[in-house]
């Protein structure tokens, strides 16, 4: 396959050829305006590398709420793909990367007629729905301290693999859990003092995962 995407590895040869025929590789840079609601009406993206934040912003107080962090294997914009409407979110590029760009009309064609594509697409959509549901539940039912610990535990990465939280600023972490930077700073310092985590530059490292789990269960 021209574009080596693990997500597409089990597709039949005919669909792989169709993806290769209609897809093009695009590169994006940190800080630039690349993804927009208008562009998402025409193009559908599968990320090969990089990191993109999808969020909502309150224009009156500039408060942000991150909805998704998209990286390798993620798709954008699934909502516009399904309903054909503009999706009122903001996309910020946090890390340089590449994506496979596909005409959205072609992706809809696969969605409506290709069972092989659906076997990949619908589990991905279900996973996104679970993530949004978890975000809504966490914001309603858990304290900021609990939300931070859940976020850290959820993003444990195998040795040698970067966590989705890698290189995120404290402000970006705050946006993920619906709070502000100084609150995140306080909770991180508490976890450091307890010996549960250590922080190196913009990397949170779990020092004692059992201590972190016990602390979370105690708070619950």
N, C-alpha and C. Protein backbone atom coordinates (compact mmCIF):
# COMPACT_ATOMS: atom_id res chain seq x y z
N UNK A 1 0.84 -1.19 0.00
CA UNK A 1 0.00 0.00 0.00
C UNK A 1 0.88 1.24 0.00
N UNK A 2 0.50 2.22 -0.78
CA UNK A 2 1.29 3.46 -0.92
C UNK A 2 1.42 4.18 0.42
N UNK A 3 0.30 4.31 1.14
CA UNK A 3 0.31 4.97 2.44
C UNK A 3 0.24 3.90 3.52
N UNK A 4 1.33 3.76 4.29
CA UNK A 4 1.40 2.71 5.29
C UNK A 4 0.64 3.15 6.54
N UNK A 5 -0.62 2.75 6.62
CA UNK A 5 -1.47 3.10 7.75
C UNK A 5 -1.97 1.82 8.38
N UNK A 6 -1.61 1.60 9.63
CA UNK A 6 -1.99 0.36 10.31
C UNK A 6 -3.51 0.20 10.32
N UNK A 7 -4.21 1.32 10.44
CA UNK A 7 -5.67 1.30 10.46
C UNK A 7 -6.25 0.63 9.21
N UNK A 8 -5.55 0.77 8.07
CA UNK A 8 -6.04 0.24 6.80
C UNK A 8 -5.41 -1.09 6.41
N UNK A 9 -4.63 -1.68 7.30
CA UNK A 9 -3.84 -2.86 6.93
C UNK A 9 -4.69 -4.07 6.55
N UNK A 10 -5.90 -4.18 7.11
CA UNK A 10 -6.74 -5.36 6.83
C UNK A 10 -7.76 -5.13 5.71
N UNK A 11 -7.67 -4.00 5.03
CA UNK A 11 -8.59 -3.74 3.94
C UNK A 11 -8.29 -4.62 2.74
N UNK A 12 -9.31 -4.87 1.93
CA UNK A 12 -9.08 -5.65 0.72
C UNK A 12 -8.30 -4.82 -0.30
N UNK A 13 -7.69 -5.51 -1.25
CA UNK A 13 -6.81 -4.84 -2.22
C UNK A 13 -7.52 -3.78 -3.04
N UNK A 14 -8.78 -4.04 -3.39
CA UNK A 14 -9.52 -3.08 -4.22
C UNK A 14 -9.70 -1.75 -3.49
N UNK A 15 -10.03 -1.81 -2.20
CA UNK A 15 -10.22 -0.58 -1.44
C UNK A 15 -8.89 0.13 -1.21
N UNK A 16 -7.84 -0.64 -0.97
CA UNK A 16 -6.51 -0.03 -0.82
C UNK A 16 -6.11 0.71 -2.09
N UNK A 17 -6.39 0.12 -3.22
CA UNK A 17 -6.07 0.77 -4.50
C UNK A 17 -6.88 2.05 -4.67
N UNK A 18 -8.13 2.02 -4.24
CA UNK A 18 -8.99 3.20 -4.34
C UNK A 18 -8.46 4.32 -3.44
N UNK A 19 -8.02 3.96 -2.24
CA UNK A 19 -7.45 4.94 -1.31
C UNK A 19 -6.18 5.55 -1.91
N UNK A 20 -5.33 4.70 -2.48
CA UNK A 20 -4.11 5.19 -3.10
C UNK A 20 -4.40 6.10 -4.29
N UNK A 21 -5.45 5.78 -5.02
CA UNK A 21 -5.79 6.55 -6.21
C UNK A 21 -6.30 7.95 -5.85
N UNK A 22 -7.11 8.04 -4.81
CA UNK A 22 -7.75 9.30 -4.49
C UNK A 22 -7.06 10.08 -3.36
N UNK A 23 -6.20 9.41 -2.61
CA UNK A 23 -5.57 10.09 -1.48
C UNK A 23 -4.31 10.85 -1.88
N UNK A 24 -4.02 11.88 -1.10
CA UNK A 24 -2.76 12.62 -1.28
C UNK A 24 -2.18 12.94 0.09
N UNK A 25 -0.86 12.96 0.15
CA UNK A 25 -0.17 13.23 1.40
C UNK A 25 -0.05 14.74 1.59
N UNK A 26 -0.45 15.23 2.76
CA UNK A 26 -0.30 16.65 3.07
C UNK A 26 0.50 16.79 4.36
N UNK A 27 1.26 17.88 4.44
CA UNK A 27 2.05 18.16 5.63
C UNK A 27 1.52 19.42 6.30
N UNK A 28 1.58 19.44 7.63
CA UNK A 28 1.13 20.61 8.37
C UNK A 28 2.16 20.96 9.43
N UNK A 29 2.22 22.24 9.77
CA UNK A 29 3.22 22.75 10.69
C UNK A 29 2.57 23.30 11.95
N UNK A 30 3.27 23.16 13.05
CA UNK A 30 2.79 23.69 14.32
C UNK A 30 2.49 25.18 14.20
N UNK A 31 1.32 25.57 14.70
CA UNK A 31 0.95 26.98 14.73
C UNK A 31 0.26 27.51 13.50
N UNK A 32 0.31 26.77 12.38
CA UNK A 32 -0.33 27.29 11.17
C UNK A 32 -1.82 26.94 11.15
N UNK A 33 -2.58 27.70 10.37
CA UNK A 33 -4.01 27.43 10.21
C UNK A 33 -4.20 26.52 9.00
N UNK A 34 -4.43 25.26 9.25
CA UNK A 34 -4.51 24.29 8.17
C UNK A 34 -5.91 23.68 8.06
N UNK A 35 -6.45 23.25 9.19
CA UNK A 35 -7.76 22.58 9.19
C UNK A 35 -8.85 23.60 9.53
N UNK A 36 -9.91 23.60 8.75
CA UNK A 36 -11.01 24.54 8.97
C UNK A 36 -12.33 23.85 8.68
N UNK A 37 -13.43 24.46 9.16
CA UNK A 37 -14.76 23.91 8.91
C UNK A 37 -15.07 23.90 7.43
N UNK A 38 -14.61 24.93 6.71
CA UNK A 38 -14.86 25.00 5.27
C UNK A 38 -14.12 23.89 4.53
N UNK A 39 -12.86 23.68 4.91
CA UNK A 39 -12.06 22.63 4.26
C UNK A 39 -12.64 21.25 4.56
N UNK A 40 -13.16 21.07 5.79
CA UNK A 40 -13.71 19.77 6.18
C UNK A 40 -14.97 19.41 5.41
N UNK A 41 -15.59 20.39 4.75
CA UNK A 41 -16.74 20.10 3.90
C UNK A 41 -16.30 19.40 2.61
N UNK A 42 -15.01 19.52 2.27
CA UNK A 42 -14.49 18.95 1.03
C UNK A 42 -13.52 17.80 1.25
N UNK A 43 -12.78 17.85 2.35
CA UNK A 43 -11.70 16.89 2.56
C UNK A 43 -11.83 16.17 3.89
N UNK A 44 -11.35 14.93 3.89
CA UNK A 44 -11.35 14.09 5.08
C UNK A 44 -9.91 13.65 5.32
N UNK A 45 -9.47 13.67 6.59
CA UNK A 45 -8.06 13.42 6.88
C UNK A 45 -7.88 12.22 7.81
N UNK A 46 -6.83 11.45 7.51
CA UNK A 46 -6.37 10.39 8.42
C UNK A 46 -4.95 10.74 8.80
N UNK A 47 -4.69 10.89 10.10
CA UNK A 47 -3.39 11.37 10.55
C UNK A 47 -2.34 10.27 10.56
N UNK A 48 -1.18 10.62 10.02
CA UNK A 48 -0.03 9.70 9.98
C UNK A 48 1.00 10.05 11.04
N UNK A 49 1.01 11.32 11.46
CA UNK A 49 1.91 11.79 12.50
C UNK A 49 1.45 13.17 12.95
N UNK A 50 2.13 13.71 13.96
CA UNK A 50 1.77 15.03 14.46
C UNK A 50 0.71 14.97 15.55
N UNK A 51 0.27 16.15 15.99
CA UNK A 51 -0.74 16.23 17.04
C UNK A 51 -1.59 17.47 16.79
N UNK A 52 -2.91 17.29 16.77
CA UNK A 52 -3.84 18.39 16.50
C UNK A 52 -4.90 18.43 17.59
N UNK A 53 -5.11 19.61 18.13
CA UNK A 53 -6.11 19.80 19.19
C UNK A 53 -7.42 20.29 18.57
N UNK A 54 -8.50 19.63 18.91
CA UNK A 54 -9.84 20.04 18.50
C UNK A 54 -10.56 20.55 19.74
N UNK A 55 -11.05 21.79 19.69
CA UNK A 55 -11.61 22.37 20.91
C UNK A 55 -12.71 23.39 20.60
N UNK A 56 -13.43 23.74 21.65
CA UNK A 56 -14.43 24.81 21.63
C UNK A 56 -13.89 25.95 22.48
N UNK A 57 -14.29 27.18 22.15
CA UNK A 57 -13.83 28.33 22.91
C UNK A 57 -15.01 29.26 23.20
N UNK A 58 -15.05 29.78 24.42
CA UNK A 58 -16.02 30.80 24.81
C UNK A 58 -15.42 32.15 24.43
N UNK A 59 -16.02 32.83 23.46
CA UNK A 59 -15.46 34.08 22.96
C UNK A 59 -15.56 35.22 23.97
N UNK A 60 -16.42 35.08 24.96
CA UNK A 60 -16.57 36.14 25.95
C UNK A 60 -15.46 36.12 26.99
N UNK A 61 -15.03 34.92 27.40
CA UNK A 61 -13.98 34.86 28.43
C UNK A 61 -12.72 34.12 27.97
N UNK A 62 -12.71 33.68 26.71
CA UNK A 62 -11.55 32.99 26.10
C UNK A 62 -11.26 31.64 26.75
N UNK A 63 -12.19 31.10 27.52
CA UNK A 63 -11.99 29.79 28.13
C UNK A 63 -12.14 28.70 27.07
N UNK A 64 -11.25 27.72 27.11
CA UNK A 64 -11.26 26.64 26.13
C UNK A 64 -11.61 25.31 26.78
N UNK A 65 -12.20 24.42 25.97
CA UNK A 65 -12.39 23.03 26.37
C UNK A 65 -11.94 22.14 25.23
N UNK A 66 -10.88 21.40 25.46
CA UNK A 66 -10.40 20.47 24.45
C UNK A 66 -11.33 19.27 24.38
N UNK A 67 -11.71 18.91 23.15
CA UNK A 67 -12.60 17.76 22.94
C UNK A 67 -11.79 16.53 22.54
N UNK A 68 -10.87 16.71 21.59
CA UNK A 68 -10.02 15.61 21.14
C UNK A 68 -8.59 16.10 20.94
N UNK A 69 -7.64 15.21 21.19
CA UNK A 69 -6.27 15.37 20.69
C UNK A 69 -6.10 14.30 19.62
N UNK A 70 -5.89 14.72 18.39
CA UNK A 70 -5.79 13.77 17.28
C UNK A 70 -4.33 13.54 16.93
N UNK A 71 -4.00 12.26 16.70
CA UNK A 71 -2.63 11.90 16.35
C UNK A 71 -2.68 10.69 15.42
N UNK A 72 -1.61 9.92 15.37
CA UNK A 72 -1.50 8.78 14.46
C UNK A 72 -2.75 7.90 14.48
N UNK A 73 -3.36 7.70 13.29
CA UNK A 73 -4.52 6.82 13.15
C UNK A 73 -5.86 7.49 13.36
N UNK A 74 -5.85 8.74 13.83
CA UNK A 74 -7.12 9.44 14.04
C UNK A 74 -7.65 10.03 12.73
N UNK A 75 -8.96 10.34 12.74
CA UNK A 75 -9.63 10.86 11.54
C UNK A 75 -10.26 12.22 11.83
N UNK A 76 -10.32 13.08 10.80
CA UNK A 76 -10.94 14.39 10.91
C UNK A 76 -11.55 14.77 9.56
N UNK A 77 -12.81 15.20 9.51
CA UNK A 77 -13.75 15.45 10.59
C UNK A 77 -14.89 14.46 10.41
N UNK A 78 -15.03 13.55 11.35
CA UNK A 78 -16.03 12.49 11.23
C UNK A 78 -17.46 13.03 11.32
N UNK A 79 -17.68 14.10 12.07
CA UNK A 79 -19.04 14.64 12.22
C UNK A 79 -19.51 15.24 10.90
N UNK A 80 -18.67 16.04 10.26
CA UNK A 80 -19.03 16.61 8.96
C UNK A 80 -19.21 15.51 7.92
N UNK A 81 -18.40 14.47 8.00
CA UNK A 81 -18.55 13.34 7.09
C UNK A 81 -19.94 12.74 7.20
N UNK A 82 -20.45 12.61 8.42
CA UNK A 82 -21.73 11.93 8.64
C UNK A 82 -22.94 12.81 8.37
N UNK A 83 -22.87 14.09 8.75
CA UNK A 83 -24.09 14.90 8.60
C UNK A 83 -24.00 15.97 7.51
N UNK A 84 -22.83 16.16 6.92
CA UNK A 84 -22.69 17.11 5.83
C UNK A 84 -22.80 18.57 6.23
N UNK A 85 -22.72 18.85 7.55
CA UNK A 85 -22.86 20.22 8.06
C UNK A 85 -21.52 20.74 8.58
N UNK A 86 -21.41 22.07 8.63
CA UNK A 86 -20.22 22.67 9.23
C UNK A 86 -20.12 22.25 10.70
N UNK A 87 -18.90 21.94 11.13
CA UNK A 87 -18.67 21.54 12.52
C UNK A 87 -17.99 22.71 13.23
N UNK A 88 -18.69 23.28 14.19
CA UNK A 88 -18.24 24.50 14.85
C UNK A 88 -17.21 24.22 15.93
N UNK A 89 -16.01 23.85 15.51
CA UNK A 89 -14.89 23.63 16.43
C UNK A 89 -13.66 24.34 15.87
N UNK A 90 -12.64 24.48 16.72
CA UNK A 90 -11.37 25.07 16.31
C UNK A 90 -10.31 23.98 16.32
N UNK A 91 -9.43 23.99 15.33
CA UNK A 91 -8.33 23.02 15.25
C UNK A 91 -7.00 23.75 15.33
N UNK A 92 -6.20 23.40 16.32
CA UNK A 92 -4.85 23.96 16.47
C UNK A 92 -3.82 22.86 16.29
N UNK A 93 -2.80 23.12 15.50
CA UNK A 93 -1.72 22.15 15.30
C UNK A 93 -0.69 22.33 16.41
N UNK A 94 -0.50 21.29 17.21
CA UNK A 94 0.44 21.33 18.32
C UNK A 94 1.80 20.77 17.96
N UNK A 95 1.83 19.85 16.99
CA UNK A 95 3.10 19.26 16.53
C UNK A 95 3.05 19.08 15.02
N UNK A 96 4.17 19.35 14.35
CA UNK A 96 4.25 19.11 12.91
C UNK A 96 3.84 17.68 12.58
N UNK A 97 3.24 17.49 11.42
CA UNK A 97 2.86 16.13 11.06
C UNK A 97 2.43 16.00 9.62
N UNK A 98 1.91 14.81 9.32
CA UNK A 98 1.43 14.49 7.98
C UNK A 98 0.07 13.81 8.09
N UNK A 99 -0.72 13.95 7.04
CA UNK A 99 -2.03 13.30 7.01
C UNK A 99 -2.34 12.85 5.59
N UNK A 100 -3.13 11.81 5.50
CA UNK A 100 -3.67 11.38 4.22
C UNK A 100 -4.96 12.15 3.99
N UNK A 101 -5.00 12.92 2.91
CA UNK A 101 -6.17 13.74 2.58
C UNK A 101 -6.99 13.03 1.51
N UNK A 102 -8.27 12.85 1.78
CA UNK A 102 -9.17 12.15 0.86
C UNK A 102 -10.39 13.01 0.56
N UNK A 103 -10.90 12.98 -0.67
CA UNK A 103 -12.13 13.73 -0.97
C UNK A 103 -13.28 13.17 -0.14
N UNK A 104 -14.01 14.06 0.53
CA UNK A 104 -15.04 13.59 1.45
C UNK A 104 -16.17 12.87 0.70
N UNK A 105 -16.42 13.25 -0.54
CA UNK A 105 -17.46 12.56 -1.30
C UNK A 105 -17.08 11.11 -1.55
N UNK A 106 -15.78 10.86 -1.73
CA UNK A 106 -15.31 9.49 -1.95
C UNK A 106 -15.41 8.68 -0.66
N UNK A 107 -15.08 9.29 0.45
CA UNK A 107 -15.16 8.59 1.74
C UNK A 107 -16.62 8.26 2.04
N UNK A 108 -17.54 9.16 1.72
CA UNK A 108 -18.97 8.86 1.91
C UNK A 108 -19.40 7.69 1.04
N UNK A 109 -18.85 7.63 -0.15
CA UNK A 109 -19.17 6.51 -1.05
C UNK A 109 -18.75 5.19 -0.41
N UNK A 110 -17.56 5.14 0.17
CA UNK A 110 -17.10 3.93 0.85
C UNK A 110 -17.99 3.64 2.06
N UNK A 111 -18.35 4.70 2.78
CA UNK A 111 -19.17 4.54 3.97
C UNK A 111 -20.52 3.90 3.64
N UNK A 112 -21.11 4.30 2.53
CA UNK A 112 -22.44 3.81 2.16
C UNK A 112 -22.42 2.44 1.48
N UNK A 113 -21.27 2.06 0.90
CA UNK A 113 -21.30 0.86 0.06
C UNK A 113 -20.21 -0.16 0.34
N UNK A 114 -19.27 0.14 1.25
CA UNK A 114 -18.13 -0.75 1.41
C UNK A 114 -18.06 -1.30 2.84
N UNK A 115 -18.46 -2.55 3.05
CA UNK A 115 -18.43 -3.15 4.39
C UNK A 115 -17.03 -3.17 5.00
N UNK A 116 -15.99 -3.33 4.18
CA UNK A 116 -14.62 -3.37 4.70
C UNK A 116 -14.25 -2.04 5.34
N UNK A 117 -14.66 -0.95 4.70
CA UNK A 117 -14.39 0.38 5.28
C UNK A 117 -15.19 0.57 6.56
N UNK A 118 -16.44 0.11 6.57
CA UNK A 118 -17.28 0.27 7.75
C UNK A 118 -16.75 -0.49 8.96
N UNK A 119 -16.09 -1.61 8.71
CA UNK A 119 -15.53 -2.39 9.82
C UNK A 119 -14.41 -1.63 10.52
N UNK A 120 -13.82 -0.67 9.85
CA UNK A 120 -12.82 0.20 10.45
C UNK A 120 -13.46 1.46 11.01
N UNK A 121 -14.35 2.05 10.23
CA UNK A 121 -14.88 3.37 10.56
C UNK A 121 -15.80 3.34 11.78
N UNK A 122 -16.74 2.41 11.86
CA UNK A 122 -17.71 2.45 12.94
C UNK A 122 -17.11 2.16 14.32
N UNK A 123 -16.16 1.23 14.47
CA UNK A 123 -15.51 1.10 15.78
C UNK A 123 -14.76 2.37 16.18
N UNK A 124 -14.19 3.06 15.18
CA UNK A 124 -13.50 4.32 15.48
C UNK A 124 -14.50 5.36 15.99
N UNK A 125 -15.65 5.48 15.32
CA UNK A 125 -16.69 6.42 15.74
C UNK A 125 -17.17 6.07 17.15
N UNK A 126 -17.36 4.79 17.42
CA UNK A 126 -17.81 4.36 18.75
C UNK A 126 -16.80 4.77 19.81
N UNK A 127 -15.51 4.64 19.49
CA UNK A 127 -14.45 5.03 20.42
C UNK A 127 -14.50 6.54 20.69
N UNK A 128 -14.72 7.33 19.65
CA UNK A 128 -14.84 8.77 19.83
C UNK A 128 -16.04 9.12 20.70
N UNK A 129 -17.15 8.45 20.49
CA UNK A 129 -18.35 8.69 21.29
C UNK A 129 -18.10 8.36 22.76
N UNK A 130 -17.38 7.28 23.01
CA UNK A 130 -17.04 6.91 24.38
C UNK A 130 -16.17 7.99 25.03
N UNK A 131 -15.23 8.55 24.25
CA UNK A 131 -14.35 9.58 24.78
C UNK A 131 -15.12 10.85 25.14
N UNK A 132 -16.07 11.23 24.29
CA UNK A 132 -16.89 12.41 24.58
C UNK A 132 -17.78 12.16 25.79
N UNK A 133 -18.34 10.95 25.86
CA UNK A 133 -19.18 10.59 27.00
C UNK A 133 -18.36 10.63 28.30
N UNK A 134 -17.15 10.11 28.23
CA UNK A 134 -16.28 10.11 29.41
C UNK A 134 -15.93 11.54 29.83
N UNK A 135 -15.66 12.40 28.84
CA UNK A 135 -15.36 13.79 29.14
C UNK A 135 -16.53 14.45 29.85
N UNK A 136 -17.75 14.27 29.33
CA UNK A 136 -18.93 14.86 29.94
C UNK A 136 -19.14 14.34 31.36
N UNK A 137 -18.94 13.04 31.55
CA UNK A 137 -19.10 12.43 32.87
C UNK A 137 -18.05 12.96 33.84
N UNK A 138 -16.81 13.02 33.40
CA UNK A 138 -15.73 13.50 34.26
C UNK A 138 -15.97 14.94 34.70
N UNK A 139 -16.39 15.80 33.76
CA UNK A 139 -16.63 17.20 34.09
C UNK A 139 -17.76 17.36 35.09
N UNK A 140 -18.73 16.44 35.05
CA UNK A 140 -19.90 16.53 35.93
C UNK A 140 -19.69 15.88 37.28
N UNK A 141 -18.94 14.78 37.31
CA UNK A 141 -18.92 13.93 38.50
C UNK A 141 -17.60 13.90 39.28
N UNK A 142 -16.52 14.37 38.67
CA UNK A 142 -15.22 14.24 39.33
C UNK A 142 -14.56 15.60 39.57
N UNK A 143 -13.75 15.65 40.62
CA UNK A 143 -13.02 16.88 40.93
C UNK A 143 -11.87 17.06 39.93
N UNK A 144 -11.28 18.25 39.93
CA UNK A 144 -10.16 18.49 39.02
C UNK A 144 -8.98 17.57 39.33
N UNK A 145 -8.75 17.29 40.61
CA UNK A 145 -7.66 16.39 40.99
C UNK A 145 -7.90 14.99 40.43
N UNK A 146 -9.14 14.51 40.56
CA UNK A 146 -9.49 13.19 40.03
C UNK A 146 -9.37 13.16 38.50
N UNK A 147 -9.84 14.23 37.86
CA UNK A 147 -9.77 14.29 36.40
C UNK A 147 -8.33 14.26 35.91
N UNK A 148 -7.44 14.94 36.61
CA UNK A 148 -6.03 14.94 36.22
C UNK A 148 -5.43 13.55 36.37
N UNK A 149 -5.70 12.88 37.48
CA UNK A 149 -5.15 11.54 37.68
C UNK A 149 -5.69 10.55 36.65
N UNK A 150 -6.98 10.66 36.35
CA UNK A 150 -7.57 9.79 35.33
C UNK A 150 -6.91 10.04 33.98
N UNK A 151 -6.66 11.30 33.66
CA UNK A 151 -6.01 11.65 32.39
C UNK A 151 -4.60 11.06 32.31
N UNK A 152 -3.85 11.19 33.38
CA UNK A 152 -2.49 10.66 33.41
C UNK A 152 -2.50 9.14 33.25
N UNK A 153 -3.37 8.47 33.99
CA UNK A 153 -3.44 7.01 33.91
C UNK A 153 -3.90 6.53 32.54
N UNK A 154 -4.85 7.27 31.95
CA UNK A 154 -5.38 6.89 30.64
C UNK A 154 -4.33 7.00 29.54
N UNK A 155 -3.33 7.85 29.78
CA UNK A 155 -2.33 8.11 28.75
C UNK A 155 -0.97 7.49 29.06
N UNK A 156 -0.97 6.45 29.88
CA UNK A 156 0.26 5.69 30.10
C UNK A 156 0.68 5.07 28.77
N UNK A 157 1.93 5.26 28.39
CA UNK A 157 2.42 4.73 27.11
C UNK A 157 3.52 3.70 27.37
N UNK A 158 3.61 2.66 26.52
CA UNK A 158 4.69 1.69 26.65
C UNK A 158 6.05 2.38 26.56
N UNK A 159 7.05 1.75 27.11
CA UNK A 159 8.40 2.30 27.07
C UNK A 159 8.83 2.55 25.62
N UNK A 160 9.35 3.73 25.37
CA UNK A 160 9.81 4.06 24.02
C UNK A 160 8.73 4.69 23.15
N UNK A 161 7.49 4.75 23.66
CA UNK A 161 6.39 5.35 22.91
C UNK A 161 5.95 6.63 23.62
N UNK A 162 5.78 7.70 22.88
CA UNK A 162 5.39 8.98 23.47
C UNK A 162 3.92 8.96 23.86
N UNK A 163 3.65 9.40 25.08
CA UNK A 163 2.26 9.58 25.52
C UNK A 163 1.63 10.72 24.75
N UNK A 164 0.30 10.70 24.65
CA UNK A 164 -0.41 11.80 24.00
C UNK A 164 -0.20 13.11 24.77
N UNK A 165 0.16 13.01 26.06
CA UNK A 165 0.40 14.20 26.86
C UNK A 165 1.81 14.74 26.68
N UNK A 166 2.67 14.01 26.01
CA UNK A 166 4.07 14.41 25.83
C UNK A 166 4.15 15.78 25.15
N UNK A 167 4.93 16.67 25.74
CA UNK A 167 5.17 18.02 25.22
C UNK A 167 3.98 18.96 25.34
N UNK A 168 2.93 18.56 26.05
CA UNK A 168 1.81 19.47 26.25
C UNK A 168 2.14 20.44 27.39
N UNK A 169 1.77 21.70 27.21
CA UNK A 169 1.95 22.69 28.27
C UNK A 169 0.93 22.45 29.37
N UNK A 170 1.16 23.06 30.53
CA UNK A 170 0.20 22.93 31.63
C UNK A 170 -1.15 23.52 31.23
N UNK A 171 -1.12 24.57 30.41
CA UNK A 171 -2.38 25.17 29.94
C UNK A 171 -3.15 24.20 29.07
N UNK A 172 -2.45 23.48 28.18
CA UNK A 172 -3.12 22.49 27.32
C UNK A 172 -3.69 21.35 28.16
N UNK A 173 -2.97 20.93 29.18
CA UNK A 173 -3.48 19.88 30.07
C UNK A 173 -4.73 20.37 30.79
N UNK A 174 -4.69 21.64 31.24
CA UNK A 174 -5.87 22.22 31.89
C UNK A 174 -7.07 22.23 30.97
N UNK A 175 -6.84 22.54 29.69
CA UNK A 175 -7.94 22.57 28.72
C UNK A 175 -8.54 21.19 28.50
N UNK A 176 -7.75 20.15 28.69
CA UNK A 176 -8.25 18.78 28.53
C UNK A 176 -9.21 18.39 29.65
N UNK A 177 -9.01 18.94 30.84
CA UNK A 177 -9.83 18.52 31.98
C UNK A 177 -10.75 19.63 32.49
N UNK A 178 -10.88 20.70 31.70
CA UNK A 178 -11.86 21.73 32.03
C UNK A 178 -11.52 22.58 33.23
N UNK A 179 -10.25 22.99 33.33
CA UNK A 179 -9.86 23.85 34.45
C UNK A 179 -8.84 24.87 33.94
N UNK A 180 -8.08 25.46 34.86
CA UNK A 180 -7.09 26.48 34.48
C UNK A 180 -5.71 26.05 34.94
N UNK A 181 -4.70 26.72 34.40
CA UNK A 181 -3.32 26.28 34.60
C UNK A 181 -2.90 26.22 36.07
N UNK A 182 -3.23 27.23 36.85
CA UNK A 182 -2.72 27.25 38.23
C UNK A 182 -3.30 26.09 39.05
N UNK A 183 -4.50 25.63 38.70
CA UNK A 183 -5.08 24.47 39.39
C UNK A 183 -4.31 23.20 39.02
N UNK A 184 -3.98 23.06 37.73
CA UNK A 184 -3.18 21.91 37.29
C UNK A 184 -1.80 21.94 37.94
N UNK A 185 -1.19 23.10 38.02
CA UNK A 185 0.12 23.23 38.68
C UNK A 185 0.06 22.72 40.12
N UNK A 186 -0.98 23.12 40.83
CA UNK A 186 -1.12 22.71 42.22
C UNK A 186 -1.26 21.21 42.35
N UNK A 187 -2.11 20.60 41.53
CA UNK A 187 -2.33 19.16 41.62
C UNK A 187 -1.08 18.38 41.20
N UNK A 188 -0.38 18.85 40.18
CA UNK A 188 0.85 18.17 39.76
C UNK A 188 1.90 18.22 40.86
N UNK A 189 2.02 19.37 41.51
CA UNK A 189 2.98 19.49 42.62
C UNK A 189 2.62 18.56 43.77
N UNK A 190 1.32 18.39 44.03
CA UNK A 190 0.88 17.46 45.08
C UNK A 190 1.26 16.02 44.73
N UNK A 191 1.04 15.64 43.47
CA UNK A 191 1.38 14.28 43.03
C UNK A 191 2.89 14.05 43.04
N UNK A 192 3.65 15.08 42.73
CA UNK A 192 5.12 14.98 42.81
C UNK A 192 5.56 14.80 44.25
N UNK A 193 4.98 15.57 45.16
CA UNK A 193 5.34 15.47 46.58
C UNK A 193 5.00 14.11 47.15
N UNK A 194 3.92 13.51 46.65
CA UNK A 194 3.51 12.17 47.11
C UNK A 194 4.38 11.06 46.51
N UNK A 195 5.20 11.39 45.54
CA UNK A 195 6.04 10.38 44.89
C UNK A 195 5.33 9.57 43.83
N UNK A 196 4.13 10.02 43.40
CA UNK A 196 3.37 9.28 42.39
C UNK A 196 3.88 9.54 40.98
N UNK A 197 4.34 10.77 40.74
CA UNK A 197 4.82 11.15 39.40
C UNK A 197 6.12 11.95 39.51
N UNK A 198 6.80 12.10 38.39
CA UNK A 198 7.87 13.07 38.28
C UNK A 198 7.69 13.81 36.95
N UNK A 199 8.21 14.99 36.88
CA UNK A 199 8.04 15.82 35.69
C UNK A 199 9.40 16.23 35.15
N UNK A 200 9.60 15.94 33.87
CA UNK A 200 10.83 16.33 33.18
C UNK A 200 10.44 17.17 31.97
N UNK A 201 10.77 18.45 32.02
CA UNK A 201 10.37 19.37 30.97
C UNK A 201 8.86 19.29 30.80
N UNK A 202 8.40 18.97 29.57
CA UNK A 202 6.96 18.87 29.34
C UNK A 202 6.53 17.40 29.27
N UNK A 203 7.05 16.62 30.18
CA UNK A 203 6.73 15.19 30.20
C UNK A 203 6.39 14.76 31.62
N UNK A 204 5.20 14.19 31.79
CA UNK A 204 4.78 13.65 33.08
C UNK A 204 5.08 12.16 33.08
N UNK A 205 5.89 11.72 34.03
CA UNK A 205 6.29 10.31 34.12
C UNK A 205 5.69 9.71 35.38
N UNK A 206 5.01 8.60 35.23
CA UNK A 206 4.45 7.91 36.40
C UNK A 206 5.58 7.18 37.13
N UNK A 207 5.79 7.58 38.36
CA UNK A 207 6.86 6.99 39.17
C UNK A 207 6.36 5.78 39.96
N UNK A 208 5.11 5.87 40.42
CA UNK A 208 4.51 4.78 41.20
C UNK A 208 3.04 4.67 40.80
N UNK A 209 2.75 3.77 39.84
CA UNK A 209 1.40 3.68 39.30
C UNK A 209 0.41 3.18 40.35
N UNK A 210 0.85 2.29 41.23
CA UNK A 210 -0.05 1.78 42.27
C UNK A 210 -0.45 2.88 43.24
N UNK A 211 0.49 3.76 43.55
CA UNK A 211 0.20 4.88 44.44
C UNK A 211 -0.81 5.82 43.79
N UNK A 212 -0.65 6.03 42.48
CA UNK A 212 -1.57 6.91 41.75
C UNK A 212 -2.97 6.31 41.72
N UNK A 213 -3.06 4.99 41.47
CA UNK A 213 -4.36 4.31 41.44
C UNK A 213 -5.03 4.35 42.82
N UNK A 214 -4.26 4.07 43.87
CA UNK A 214 -4.82 4.09 45.22
C UNK A 214 -5.31 5.48 45.61
N UNK A 215 -4.55 6.49 45.20
CA UNK A 215 -4.93 7.86 45.53
C UNK A 215 -6.24 8.23 44.81
N UNK A 216 -6.37 7.80 43.58
CA UNK A 216 -7.58 8.08 42.81
C UNK A 216 -8.78 7.35 43.45
N UNK A 217 -8.60 6.09 43.80
CA UNK A 217 -9.70 5.33 44.41
C UNK A 217 -10.10 5.92 45.75
N UNK A 218 -9.12 6.44 46.50
CA UNK A 218 -9.41 7.04 47.80
C UNK A 218 -10.27 8.28 47.62
N UNK A 219 -9.96 9.09 46.61
CA UNK A 219 -10.72 10.29 46.35
C UNK A 219 -12.13 9.98 45.86
N UNK A 220 -12.26 8.88 45.08
CA UNK A 220 -13.58 8.50 44.57
C UNK A 220 -14.49 8.07 45.72
